[in-house]
N, C-alpha and C. Protein backbone atom coordinates (compact mmCIF):
# COMPACT_ATOMS: atom_id res chain seq x y z
N MET A 1 55.58 1.83 -32.81
CA MET A 1 55.18 2.69 -31.52
C MET A 1 54.31 4.04 -31.53
N GLN A 2 53.79 4.23 -30.89
CA GLN A 2 53.15 5.43 -30.57
C GLN A 2 54.22 5.93 -29.01
N ALA A 3 54.73 7.09 -29.69
CA ALA A 3 55.40 7.68 -29.23
C ALA A 3 55.12 7.95 -27.66
N SER A 4 54.97 8.30 -26.55
CA SER A 4 53.93 8.11 -24.73
C SER A 4 54.07 9.37 -25.05
N GLN A 5 52.79 10.36 -23.98
CA GLN A 5 53.54 12.01 -23.93
C GLN A 5 54.40 12.70 -23.31
N ASP A 6 54.98 11.10 -22.57
CA ASP A 6 56.49 11.99 -21.34
C ASP A 6 57.16 11.08 -22.49
N THR A 7 57.64 11.23 -23.87
CA THR A 7 58.91 10.69 -24.30
C THR A 7 58.85 11.43 -25.93
N LYS A 8 57.63 12.28 -26.32
CA LYS A 8 57.54 13.11 -27.00
C LYS A 8 58.06 14.11 -26.48
N PRO A 9 58.98 14.73 -27.89
CA PRO A 9 59.62 16.16 -27.46
C PRO A 9 59.02 17.53 -27.01
N ARG A 10 59.65 18.44 -26.55
CA ARG A 10 59.03 18.83 -25.60
C ARG A 10 57.82 19.41 -25.97
N TRP A 11 58.45 20.68 -28.00
CA TRP A 11 57.84 20.75 -28.42
C TRP A 11 55.91 20.81 -29.41
N GLU A 12 56.58 19.03 -28.67
CA GLU A 12 55.47 18.49 -30.12
C GLU A 12 54.51 18.43 -28.83
N ARG A 13 54.47 18.82 -27.24
CA ARG A 13 53.63 18.37 -26.03
C ARG A 13 52.86 20.45 -25.50
N ARG A 14 54.32 20.91 -26.24
CA ARG A 14 53.32 22.33 -25.44
C ARG A 14 53.32 22.93 -26.54
N LYS A 15 52.21 22.69 -28.07
CA LYS A 15 51.58 23.45 -29.27
C LYS A 15 51.26 24.59 -28.47
N ASP A 16 50.93 24.16 -27.76
CA ASP A 16 49.68 25.68 -27.21
C ASP A 16 49.90 26.27 -26.33
N ALA A 17 51.82 26.45 -25.87
CA ALA A 17 52.07 27.28 -24.81
C ALA A 17 51.66 28.63 -26.09
N ARG A 18 51.24 29.58 -24.11
CA ARG A 18 50.85 31.11 -24.78
C ARG A 18 52.34 31.98 -25.06
N PRO A 19 51.29 33.29 -24.84
CA PRO A 19 52.66 33.84 -25.45
C PRO A 19 53.53 34.14 -24.29
N GLN A 20 52.61 34.65 -23.48
CA GLN A 20 53.37 35.25 -21.74
C GLN A 20 54.66 33.78 -21.53
N GLU A 21 54.03 32.43 -22.02
CA GLU A 21 55.11 31.69 -21.37
C GLU A 21 56.81 31.57 -23.02
N LEU A 22 56.65 31.85 -23.97
CA LEU A 22 57.01 33.26 -25.25
C LEU A 22 58.72 33.86 -24.35
N LEU A 23 57.44 34.89 -23.86
CA LEU A 23 58.59 36.13 -22.78
C LEU A 23 59.35 35.11 -22.39
N ALA A 24 59.02 35.05 -20.97
CA ALA A 24 59.57 33.96 -20.27
C ALA A 24 60.60 33.25 -20.53
N ALA A 25 60.51 32.72 -21.87
CA ALA A 25 61.68 31.80 -22.13
C ALA A 25 63.21 32.79 -23.08
N ALA A 26 62.35 34.16 -23.56
CA ALA A 26 63.18 34.95 -24.09
C ALA A 26 63.51 35.48 -22.81
N LEU A 27 62.50 36.26 -22.09
CA LEU A 27 63.88 37.47 -20.90
C LEU A 27 65.08 36.19 -19.96
N GLU A 28 64.36 35.18 -20.16
CA GLU A 28 65.99 33.75 -19.95
C GLU A 28 67.07 34.16 -20.53
N GLN A 29 66.66 34.03 -21.82
CA GLN A 29 68.04 33.37 -22.68
C GLN A 29 68.79 35.41 -23.26
N PHE A 30 67.44 36.42 -23.26
CA PHE A 30 68.58 37.67 -23.25
C PHE A 30 69.36 37.45 -22.38
N VAL A 31 69.25 37.41 -20.94
CA VAL A 31 69.69 37.93 -19.89
C VAL A 31 70.99 37.00 -19.80
N GLU A 32 71.10 35.92 -20.24
CA GLU A 32 71.97 34.82 -19.97
C GLU A 32 73.08 35.17 -20.94
N ARG A 33 72.69 34.95 -22.39
CA ARG A 33 73.64 35.12 -23.08
C ARG A 33 73.53 36.70 -24.30
N GLY A 34 72.30 37.84 -23.38
CA GLY A 34 72.64 38.63 -24.65
C GLY A 34 71.81 39.09 -25.59
N TYR A 35 71.62 40.26 -26.12
CA TYR A 35 70.88 40.45 -27.19
C TYR A 35 71.34 39.31 -28.12
N ALA A 36 72.92 40.10 -28.59
CA ALA A 36 73.45 39.77 -29.94
C ALA A 36 73.26 37.50 -29.97
N ALA A 37 74.05 37.53 -28.71
CA ALA A 37 73.63 35.82 -29.09
C ALA A 37 72.65 34.98 -28.67
N THR A 38 71.47 35.85 -28.64
CA THR A 38 69.92 35.44 -28.49
C THR A 38 69.71 34.83 -29.43
N ARG A 39 69.38 33.00 -29.57
CA ARG A 39 68.81 32.91 -31.03
C ARG A 39 67.01 32.47 -30.82
N LEU A 40 66.46 33.02 -32.01
CA LEU A 40 65.20 32.01 -31.33
C LEU A 40 64.87 30.87 -31.48
N GLU A 41 65.30 29.90 -32.00
CA GLU A 41 65.21 28.55 -31.65
C GLU A 41 65.40 28.24 -30.73
N ASP A 42 66.61 29.43 -29.32
CA ASP A 42 66.65 28.51 -28.84
C ASP A 42 65.99 29.27 -27.44
N VAL A 43 65.10 30.01 -27.88
CA VAL A 43 63.73 31.16 -27.28
C VAL A 43 62.73 29.61 -27.36
N ALA A 44 62.40 29.04 -28.64
CA ALA A 44 61.69 28.46 -28.84
C ALA A 44 61.87 27.24 -27.65
N LYS A 45 62.97 26.48 -28.01
CA LYS A 45 63.43 24.89 -27.53
C LYS A 45 62.78 25.37 -25.99
N ARG A 46 63.30 26.30 -25.07
CA ARG A 46 63.29 26.82 -24.19
C ARG A 46 62.20 26.99 -23.63
N ALA A 47 60.99 27.55 -24.60
CA ALA A 47 59.72 27.23 -24.22
C ALA A 47 59.28 25.88 -24.38
N GLY A 48 59.34 25.22 -25.29
CA GLY A 48 59.31 23.74 -25.62
C GLY A 48 57.93 23.97 -26.69
N VAL A 49 58.39 24.65 -27.41
CA VAL A 49 57.88 24.87 -28.45
C VAL A 49 58.40 24.41 -29.63
N SER A 50 57.66 24.29 -30.84
CA SER A 50 58.38 24.83 -32.22
C SER A 50 58.77 26.31 -32.37
N LYS A 51 59.94 26.76 -33.15
CA LYS A 51 60.65 27.72 -33.72
C LYS A 51 59.40 28.66 -34.99
N GLY A 52 59.08 27.41 -35.24
CA GLY A 52 57.16 27.89 -36.19
C GLY A 52 56.00 28.51 -35.43
N THR A 53 55.90 28.17 -34.25
CA THR A 53 54.91 28.70 -33.14
C THR A 53 55.55 29.80 -32.83
N LEU A 54 56.73 30.10 -32.17
CA LEU A 54 57.26 31.01 -32.10
C LEU A 54 56.80 33.19 -33.10
N TYR A 55 57.20 32.22 -34.09
CA TYR A 55 57.23 33.16 -35.12
C TYR A 55 55.09 32.99 -35.65
N LEU A 56 54.82 32.56 -34.86
CA LEU A 56 53.43 33.00 -34.67
C LEU A 56 52.56 34.10 -34.39
N TYR A 57 54.00 34.44 -32.94
CA TYR A 57 53.63 35.41 -32.07
C TYR A 57 54.57 37.17 -32.57
N PHE A 58 55.63 36.65 -32.65
CA PHE A 58 56.87 37.13 -32.99
C PHE A 58 57.63 37.76 -34.19
N THR A 59 57.44 38.60 -35.09
CA THR A 59 58.14 38.12 -36.46
C THR A 59 59.90 38.11 -36.39
N ASN A 60 60.00 39.20 -35.44
CA ASN A 60 61.57 38.18 -34.81
C ASN A 60 62.29 39.42 -34.27
N LYS A 61 63.32 38.77 -33.56
CA LYS A 61 63.92 38.83 -32.62
C LYS A 61 63.52 40.38 -32.07
N GLU A 62 63.60 41.06 -33.11
CA GLU A 62 64.11 42.78 -31.55
C GLU A 62 62.16 42.86 -31.79
N GLU A 63 60.92 42.09 -32.50
CA GLU A 63 59.94 42.62 -31.86
C GLU A 63 59.81 41.76 -30.13
N LEU A 64 59.89 40.64 -30.54
CA LEU A 64 60.73 39.91 -29.38
C LEU A 64 60.46 40.36 -28.43
N PHE A 65 62.60 41.19 -28.54
CA PHE A 65 62.54 41.74 -27.32
C PHE A 65 61.24 42.42 -27.44
N LYS A 66 61.22 43.46 -27.83
CA LYS A 66 60.88 44.48 -27.04
C LYS A 66 59.34 44.72 -26.50
N ALA A 67 58.60 43.01 -26.77
CA ALA A 67 57.95 42.52 -26.72
C ALA A 67 57.90 42.28 -24.59
N VAL A 68 59.19 41.49 -24.22
CA VAL A 68 59.81 40.97 -23.24
C VAL A 68 59.90 42.39 -22.61
N VAL A 69 60.21 43.76 -23.09
CA VAL A 69 60.67 44.68 -22.48
C VAL A 69 59.12 45.26 -21.63
N ARG A 70 58.75 45.70 -22.58
CA ARG A 70 56.80 45.57 -22.95
C ARG A 70 55.93 45.47 -21.64
N GLU A 71 56.25 44.13 -21.93
CA GLU A 71 55.35 43.54 -20.72
C GLU A 71 55.76 43.19 -19.24
N ASN A 72 57.22 43.64 -18.95
CA ASN A 72 58.04 43.55 -17.97
C ASN A 72 57.93 44.93 -17.35
N ILE A 73 58.77 45.84 -17.78
CA ILE A 73 59.78 46.72 -17.74
C ILE A 73 58.41 48.09 -17.81
N VAL A 74 58.01 48.03 -19.32
CA VAL A 74 57.34 49.25 -19.13
C VAL A 74 55.89 48.84 -18.39
N GLN A 75 55.44 47.38 -18.33
CA GLN A 75 54.41 47.50 -17.79
C GLN A 75 54.30 48.30 -16.08
N ALA A 76 55.06 47.41 -15.66
CA ALA A 76 55.60 48.11 -14.15
C ALA A 76 55.72 49.62 -13.84
N ILE A 77 56.63 50.56 -15.47
CA ILE A 77 55.94 51.25 -14.91
C ILE A 77 55.01 52.36 -15.34
N GLY A 78 53.90 51.99 -15.67
CA GLY A 78 52.78 52.73 -16.15
C GLY A 78 51.75 51.75 -14.73
N GLU A 79 52.16 50.80 -14.15
CA GLU A 79 51.29 50.93 -13.33
C GLU A 79 51.54 51.50 -11.32
N ALA A 80 53.16 52.28 -12.03
CA ALA A 80 53.27 53.16 -10.71
C ALA A 80 53.03 54.85 -11.23
N GLU A 81 53.15 54.81 -12.59
CA GLU A 81 52.21 55.63 -12.62
C GLU A 81 50.39 56.40 -12.55
N GLN A 82 50.23 55.22 -12.14
CA GLN A 82 48.73 55.17 -12.41
C GLN A 82 48.87 54.85 -10.02
N ASP A 83 49.93 54.29 -9.91
CA ASP A 83 49.06 54.57 -8.71
C ASP A 83 49.89 55.94 -8.08
N ALA A 84 50.51 56.60 -8.82
CA ALA A 84 50.93 58.11 -8.84
C ALA A 84 49.83 59.05 -8.98
N ALA A 85 49.05 58.43 -9.56
CA ALA A 85 48.39 59.61 -9.94
C ALA A 85 47.34 59.51 -9.01
N VAL A 86 46.72 58.87 -8.31
CA VAL A 86 45.60 58.33 -7.47
C VAL A 86 45.98 58.52 -6.13
N PHE A 87 47.55 58.95 -5.48
CA PHE A 87 48.58 58.66 -4.41
C PHE A 87 47.78 60.82 -3.61
N GLU A 88 47.69 60.38 -2.22
CA GLU A 88 47.29 61.77 -1.53
C GLU A 88 47.96 61.85 -0.47
N GLY A 89 48.94 61.60 -0.03
CA GLY A 89 49.87 61.68 0.49
C GLY A 89 51.09 62.20 0.89
N HIS A 90 51.85 62.14 1.45
CA HIS A 90 53.45 63.23 1.07
C HIS A 90 53.85 63.38 -0.03
N SER A 91 55.14 64.10 -0.67
CA SER A 91 54.85 63.73 -1.71
C SER A 91 56.53 62.59 -1.35
N GLY A 92 57.10 63.13 -0.42
CA GLY A 92 58.98 62.08 0.29
C GLY A 92 58.32 60.87 0.60
N GLU A 93 56.61 60.50 0.65
CA GLU A 93 56.47 59.17 0.75
C GLU A 93 56.25 58.32 -0.62
N LEU A 94 55.36 59.10 -1.35
CA LEU A 94 55.16 58.91 -2.63
C LEU A 94 56.71 58.27 -3.79
N LEU A 95 57.73 59.11 -3.20
CA LEU A 95 58.73 59.31 -3.64
C LEU A 95 59.60 57.98 -3.73
N ARG A 96 59.85 57.56 -1.77
CA ARG A 96 59.93 56.54 -1.57
C ARG A 96 59.60 54.78 -2.02
N THR A 97 57.96 55.25 -2.29
CA THR A 97 57.25 54.08 -3.42
C THR A 97 57.76 53.98 -3.94
N ILE A 98 57.91 54.44 -5.08
CA ILE A 98 58.45 54.62 -6.40
C ILE A 98 59.95 53.72 -6.39
N LEU A 99 61.06 54.53 -5.88
CA LEU A 99 61.71 54.29 -5.91
C LEU A 99 61.82 52.98 -5.11
N MET A 100 61.44 52.41 -4.29
CA MET A 100 61.35 51.09 -3.36
C MET A 100 60.87 50.29 -4.58
N ALA A 101 59.71 50.19 -4.95
CA ALA A 101 59.33 49.79 -5.81
C ALA A 101 60.04 49.11 -7.17
N TRP A 102 60.93 49.86 -7.53
CA TRP A 102 61.78 49.62 -9.22
C TRP A 102 63.02 48.82 -8.24
N TRP A 103 63.85 49.25 -7.31
CA TRP A 103 64.47 48.53 -6.69
C TRP A 103 63.99 46.79 -6.81
N ASP A 104 62.88 46.52 -6.09
CA ASP A 104 62.39 45.47 -6.07
C ASP A 104 62.11 44.55 -6.78
N GLN A 105 61.31 45.17 -7.84
CA GLN A 105 60.10 44.78 -8.99
C GLN A 105 61.75 44.34 -10.16
N ILE A 106 62.84 45.06 -9.82
CA ILE A 106 62.90 45.43 -11.42
C ILE A 106 64.38 44.79 -10.97
N CYS A 107 65.31 45.78 -9.84
CA CYS A 107 67.04 45.71 -9.88
C CYS A 107 67.16 44.17 -9.48
N THR A 108 66.34 44.14 -8.72
CA THR A 108 66.70 42.52 -7.76
C THR A 108 65.85 41.77 -8.61
N THR A 109 65.85 41.45 -10.06
CA THR A 109 64.71 40.51 -9.98
C THR A 109 65.78 40.38 -11.36
N HIS A 110 65.48 39.53 -12.37
CA HIS A 110 65.65 38.63 -13.74
C HIS A 110 66.06 39.84 -15.18
N LEU A 111 64.72 40.97 -14.70
CA LEU A 111 64.84 42.02 -15.54
C LEU A 111 66.11 42.96 -15.01
N ALA A 112 66.80 42.88 -14.33
CA ALA A 112 67.81 43.94 -13.80
C ALA A 112 69.13 44.22 -15.31
N GLY A 113 69.10 42.26 -16.18
CA GLY A 113 69.60 41.88 -17.03
C GLY A 113 69.55 42.44 -18.08
N ILE A 114 68.78 42.83 -18.32
CA ILE A 114 68.21 44.13 -19.46
C ILE A 114 68.48 45.14 -19.08
N THR A 115 68.65 45.96 -18.39
CA THR A 115 69.66 47.31 -18.27
C THR A 115 70.88 46.59 -18.46
N LYS A 116 71.78 46.00 -17.98
CA LYS A 116 72.42 45.56 -18.10
C LYS A 116 72.91 45.14 -19.39
N LEU A 117 72.38 44.78 -20.64
CA LEU A 117 72.14 44.02 -21.93
C LEU A 117 72.27 45.66 -22.50
N MET A 118 71.38 46.45 -21.61
CA MET A 118 71.03 47.74 -22.68
C MET A 118 72.07 48.74 -23.13
N LEU A 119 72.93 49.05 -21.69
CA LEU A 119 74.22 49.93 -21.35
C LEU A 119 75.49 48.85 -21.45
N SER A 120 75.22 47.07 -22.04
CA SER A 120 76.77 46.86 -22.58
C SER A 120 76.42 46.33 -24.52
N GLU A 121 75.62 46.36 -24.26
CA GLU A 121 74.86 46.24 -26.32
C GLU A 121 73.97 47.11 -26.78
N GLY A 122 73.59 48.48 -26.04
CA GLY A 122 72.91 49.63 -26.83
C GLY A 122 72.95 50.10 -28.29
N HIS A 123 74.36 50.26 -28.33
CA HIS A 123 75.56 50.93 -28.78
C HIS A 123 75.41 50.07 -30.27
N ASN A 124 75.53 48.93 -30.32
CA ASN A 124 75.38 48.22 -31.37
C ASN A 124 73.83 48.38 -32.28
N PHE A 125 73.22 47.89 -31.24
CA PHE A 125 71.80 48.53 -32.12
C PHE A 125 70.63 49.28 -31.75
N PRO A 126 71.63 50.50 -32.76
CA PRO A 126 70.82 51.76 -32.21
C PRO A 126 69.42 51.94 -32.71
N GLU A 127 68.85 51.03 -33.11
CA GLU A 127 67.32 51.24 -33.64
C GLU A 127 66.55 50.53 -32.20
N LEU A 128 67.19 49.85 -31.41
CA LEU A 128 66.61 48.76 -30.04
C LEU A 128 67.07 50.06 -29.01
N ALA A 129 68.16 50.69 -29.25
CA ALA A 129 68.26 51.63 -27.99
C ALA A 129 67.42 52.68 -28.07
N LYS A 130 66.88 52.89 -29.09
CA LYS A 130 66.24 54.33 -29.48
C LYS A 130 64.95 53.63 -28.71
N PHE A 131 64.07 52.70 -28.78
CA PHE A 131 62.72 52.12 -28.66
C PHE A 131 63.06 52.49 -26.98
N TYR A 132 64.39 51.79 -25.76
CA TYR A 132 64.32 51.36 -24.91
C TYR A 132 64.23 52.74 -24.24
N ASN A 133 64.98 53.87 -24.70
CA ASN A 133 65.40 55.46 -23.95
C ASN A 133 63.60 55.69 -24.12
N GLU A 134 62.59 55.53 -25.67
CA GLU A 134 61.87 56.32 -25.65
C GLU A 134 60.64 55.87 -24.48
N GLU A 135 60.76 53.93 -24.26
CA GLU A 135 59.48 53.41 -23.82
C GLU A 135 60.33 53.10 -22.54
N VAL A 136 61.72 53.22 -21.84
CA VAL A 136 61.65 52.95 -20.96
C VAL A 136 62.53 54.06 -19.59
N VAL A 137 63.57 54.83 -20.44
CA VAL A 137 64.18 55.99 -19.75
C VAL A 137 63.41 56.64 -19.58
N LYS A 138 62.69 57.23 -20.80
CA LYS A 138 62.29 58.96 -20.63
C LYS A 138 61.07 58.38 -19.99
N ARG A 139 60.66 57.71 -19.85
CA ARG A 139 58.89 57.45 -19.30
C ARG A 139 59.55 57.15 -17.42
N GLY A 140 59.92 56.30 -17.64
CA GLY A 140 60.40 56.24 -16.20
C GLY A 140 61.53 57.65 -15.28
N SER A 141 62.40 58.28 -15.62
CA SER A 141 62.34 59.79 -16.13
C SER A 141 61.55 60.53 -15.58
N GLY A 142 60.54 60.43 -16.57
CA GLY A 142 59.70 61.29 -16.18
C GLY A 142 58.79 60.81 -15.14
N LEU A 143 58.48 59.78 -14.41
CA LEU A 143 57.85 60.14 -13.70
C LEU A 143 58.23 59.61 -13.00
N ILE A 144 59.46 60.03 -12.33
CA ILE A 144 60.75 60.88 -11.20
C ILE A 144 60.10 61.87 -10.82
N ASN A 145 60.21 62.82 -12.18
CA ASN A 145 60.28 64.04 -12.52
C ASN A 145 58.81 64.53 -11.90
N SER A 146 58.14 64.14 -12.35
CA SER A 146 56.78 64.58 -11.66
C SER A 146 56.51 64.53 -10.09
N VAL A 147 56.73 62.97 -9.46
CA VAL A 147 56.81 63.36 -8.18
C VAL A 147 57.51 64.82 -7.66
N LEU A 148 58.90 65.38 -8.15
CA LEU A 148 59.26 66.56 -8.11
C LEU A 148 59.07 67.32 -7.42
N VAL A 149 57.75 67.86 -8.90
CA VAL A 149 57.25 69.35 -9.40
C VAL A 149 56.07 69.69 -8.39
N ARG A 150 55.46 67.70 -8.24
CA ARG A 150 54.49 67.71 -7.44
C ARG A 150 54.76 68.40 -5.37
N GLY A 151 56.20 67.60 -5.85
CA GLY A 151 56.10 68.20 -4.35
C GLY A 151 57.02 69.16 -3.54
N ILE A 152 57.59 70.29 -5.19
CA ILE A 152 57.49 72.12 -5.12
C ILE A 152 56.57 72.12 -5.40
N THR A 153 55.69 72.08 -6.13
CA THR A 153 54.31 72.56 -6.60
C THR A 153 53.51 72.26 -4.62
N ARG A 154 53.52 71.47 -3.60
CA ARG A 154 52.69 71.31 -2.85
C ARG A 154 53.80 72.33 -1.62
N GLY A 155 54.39 72.42 -1.72
CA GLY A 155 55.49 73.05 -0.69
C GLY A 155 56.45 72.52 0.41
N GLU A 156 56.52 70.75 -0.26
CA GLU A 156 56.68 69.61 0.21
C GLU A 156 58.80 69.52 0.15
N PHE A 157 59.05 70.24 -0.78
CA PHE A 157 60.07 69.69 -1.47
C PHE A 157 60.80 71.64 -1.57
N ARG A 158 61.58 71.36 -1.38
CA ARG A 158 62.12 72.63 -1.65
C ARG A 158 62.19 73.18 -3.11
N PRO A 159 62.58 74.41 -3.95
CA PRO A 159 62.39 74.28 -5.03
C PRO A 159 63.89 74.03 -5.77
N VAL A 160 64.51 72.82 -6.07
CA VAL A 160 65.34 72.71 -6.63
C VAL A 160 64.80 72.68 -8.27
N ASP A 161 65.48 71.91 -8.90
CA ASP A 161 65.89 71.74 -10.20
C ASP A 161 65.28 70.36 -10.61
N PRO A 162 64.00 69.76 -11.28
CA PRO A 162 63.81 68.49 -11.66
C PRO A 162 64.59 67.42 -11.57
N ALA A 163 65.00 68.39 -13.56
CA ALA A 163 64.99 67.81 -14.34
C ALA A 163 66.76 67.21 -14.13
N VAL A 164 67.12 67.83 -13.26
CA VAL A 164 69.26 68.11 -12.36
C VAL A 164 69.07 66.76 -11.75
N MET A 165 67.62 67.31 -10.73
CA MET A 165 67.71 66.07 -9.32
C MET A 165 66.63 64.99 -10.21
N THR A 166 66.38 64.57 -10.47
CA THR A 166 66.05 63.41 -11.59
C THR A 166 67.42 62.56 -11.96
N PRO A 167 68.02 62.92 -12.49
CA PRO A 167 69.39 62.32 -12.37
C PRO A 167 70.17 61.57 -11.35
N VAL A 168 70.33 62.30 -10.34
CA VAL A 168 71.29 62.39 -9.20
C VAL A 168 70.43 61.17 -8.45
N LEU A 169 68.68 60.92 -8.36
CA LEU A 169 68.28 59.92 -7.86
C LEU A 169 68.43 58.56 -8.86
N ILE A 170 68.81 58.98 -10.30
CA ILE A 170 68.17 56.99 -10.17
C ILE A 170 69.53 56.91 -10.30
N ALA A 171 70.93 57.83 -10.63
CA ALA A 171 72.15 57.10 -10.30
C ALA A 171 72.62 56.26 -9.43
N PRO A 172 72.09 56.94 -8.01
CA PRO A 172 72.35 55.16 -7.28
C PRO A 172 72.31 53.95 -7.24
N VAL A 173 70.84 54.22 -7.66
CA VAL A 173 69.89 52.76 -7.92
C VAL A 173 70.61 52.22 -9.03
N MET A 174 71.14 53.32 -9.90
CA MET A 174 71.41 52.01 -10.81
C MET A 174 73.06 51.16 -10.65
N MET A 175 73.42 52.44 -9.89
CA MET A 175 75.08 51.34 -9.37
C MET A 175 74.78 50.75 -8.54
N LEU A 176 73.77 50.50 -7.76
CA LEU A 176 73.65 49.55 -6.50
C LEU A 176 73.09 48.29 -7.44
N MET A 177 72.65 48.78 -8.14
CA MET A 177 72.28 47.28 -8.89
C MET A 177 73.71 46.67 -9.70
N MET A 178 74.29 47.33 -10.21
CA MET A 178 75.27 46.62 -11.38
C MET A 178 76.01 46.69 -9.79
N TRP A 179 76.23 47.05 -8.72
CA TRP A 179 76.89 46.35 -7.74
C TRP A 179 76.97 45.42 -7.03
N THR A 180 75.65 45.19 -6.70
CA THR A 180 75.24 43.33 -6.73
C THR A 180 75.06 42.40 -7.74
N ASN A 181 74.55 42.80 -8.79
CA ASN A 181 74.37 41.93 -9.81
C ASN A 181 75.80 42.04 -10.74
N SER A 182 76.67 42.22 -10.41
CA SER A 182 78.34 42.37 -10.98
C SER A 182 79.31 42.75 -10.87
N PHE A 183 79.27 43.20 -9.47
CA PHE A 183 81.25 43.79 -9.57
C PHE A 183 81.00 43.12 -8.72
N MET A 184 80.38 43.28 -7.69
CA MET A 184 80.78 42.14 -5.89
C MET A 184 81.53 40.84 -7.00
N PRO A 185 80.59 39.57 -7.32
CA PRO A 185 81.11 38.57 -8.26
C PRO A 185 82.89 38.78 -8.63
N ALA A 186 82.65 39.63 -9.35
CA ALA A 186 83.80 39.35 -10.65
C ALA A 186 84.71 40.37 -9.85
N CYS A 187 84.62 41.33 -8.79
CA CYS A 187 85.79 42.41 -8.20
C CYS A 187 86.23 42.23 -6.44
N GLU A 188 85.25 41.25 -6.69
CA GLU A 188 85.50 41.09 -4.76
C GLU A 188 84.63 42.27 -4.06
N MET A 189 84.05 42.35 -4.72
CA MET A 189 84.28 43.92 -3.69
C MET A 189 83.21 43.15 -2.23
N PRO A 190 83.10 44.45 -1.36
CA PRO A 190 82.44 44.16 -0.31
C PRO A 190 80.89 44.15 -0.22
N ALA A 191 81.07 42.87 0.55
CA ALA A 191 79.44 43.16 0.33
C ALA A 191 78.50 43.88 0.75
N ILE A 192 77.00 44.41 0.40
CA ILE A 192 76.16 45.07 1.08
C ILE A 192 74.99 45.22 1.34
N ASP A 193 74.07 45.26 2.52
CA ASP A 193 72.50 45.37 2.37
C ASP A 193 72.25 46.17 1.36
N PRO A 194 71.40 45.61 0.09
CA PRO A 194 70.55 46.56 -1.62
C PRO A 194 69.80 47.39 0.26
N HIS A 195 69.00 46.68 0.98
CA HIS A 195 67.66 47.44 1.27
C HIS A 195 68.28 48.55 2.62
N ALA A 196 69.36 48.32 3.00
CA ALA A 196 70.38 49.17 4.31
C ALA A 196 70.46 50.32 2.69
N PHE A 197 70.74 50.33 1.68
CA PHE A 197 71.30 51.12 1.22
C PHE A 197 70.63 52.08 0.52
N MET A 198 69.99 51.21 0.21
CA MET A 198 68.07 51.59 -0.17
C MET A 198 67.13 52.77 0.44
N ASP A 199 67.52 52.21 1.97
CA ASP A 199 66.97 53.59 3.03
C ASP A 199 67.55 54.59 3.75
N THR A 200 69.04 54.30 3.79
CA THR A 200 69.89 55.21 4.27
C THR A 200 69.72 56.37 3.07
N PHE A 201 69.79 55.97 1.63
CA PHE A 201 69.62 56.76 0.79
C PHE A 201 68.80 57.92 0.51
N ILE A 202 67.86 56.84 0.02
CA ILE A 202 66.21 57.86 0.32
C ILE A 202 65.94 58.75 0.66
N ALA A 203 66.40 58.11 2.89
CA ALA A 203 66.68 58.75 3.58
C ALA A 203 67.19 60.33 3.62
N THR A 204 67.84 60.43 2.87
CA THR A 204 69.03 61.39 2.84
C THR A 204 68.78 61.80 1.89
N THR A 205 67.93 61.46 1.12
CA THR A 205 67.60 62.76 -0.11
C THR A 205 66.97 63.26 0.04
N LEU A 206 65.51 62.62 0.86
CA LEU A 206 64.25 63.28 2.06
C LEU A 206 64.96 64.30 2.44
N GLY A 207 66.09 64.12 3.13
CA GLY A 207 66.00 65.04 3.95
C GLY A 207 66.72 66.24 3.52
N GLY A 208 67.52 66.22 2.59
CA GLY A 208 67.79 66.95 1.23
C GLY A 208 66.70 68.38 0.63
N LEU A 209 65.71 67.24 1.06
CA LEU A 209 64.87 68.21 -0.72
C LEU A 209 63.59 68.33 0.58
N GLU A 210 63.68 68.54 1.80
CA GLU A 210 62.51 68.47 2.77
C GLU A 210 63.06 70.34 2.39
N ALA A 211 61.24 70.55 2.20
CA ALA A 211 61.05 72.43 2.91
C ALA A 211 61.43 72.77 3.48
N VAL A 212 62.02 74.00 3.53
CA VAL A 212 62.85 74.65 5.05
C VAL A 212 61.53 75.58 5.50
N ALA A 213 61.23 75.07 6.99
CA ALA A 213 59.73 75.95 7.33
C ALA A 213 60.06 77.91 7.41
N LEU A 214 59.11 78.25 6.87
CA LEU A 214 59.06 79.41 7.31
C LEU A 214 59.31 80.56 8.45
């Protein structure tokens, strides 16, 4: 007797799974298991397809990981770059918008797990670390740097060194991400309101960056 649609294995019912579904399954696996422990067959099973179907789109685990990063994090950076390019308001408001979008779109989602994965496993996979540094770290830092330069050029920010100020802005957000996603449950750290933290951090930063009127 032929198996019904409901009793067929998931991969038989989902041979037409789109690449986006595979990327979503891969993101979940990478975040839950880490890069080294993630297996392509587990990603395929989670997406409801055969391993062979996965290979139609991605040749190996490294290419799959890069696709996950590009589809999510790199895409978000690209959208922020486009928004910044046409923004006409005060540079302080632009900086606030970018930092809050970074927090809401990356740090509070599954994508935060990719950042933690790179911090913990990047040294074991130098080619992957190089890719992440080039397409995420440098590009994201470059966006923040460009906003600082914009503000200084327009006389909205005092003349700080953008190369020094950029990591000063990034580090507290990274720490907050680790605090809320890692440290607090494991170490019984005190609870913190992330949005209150971000509001206070950004307001304090903008107060320090504000150009002094002559």
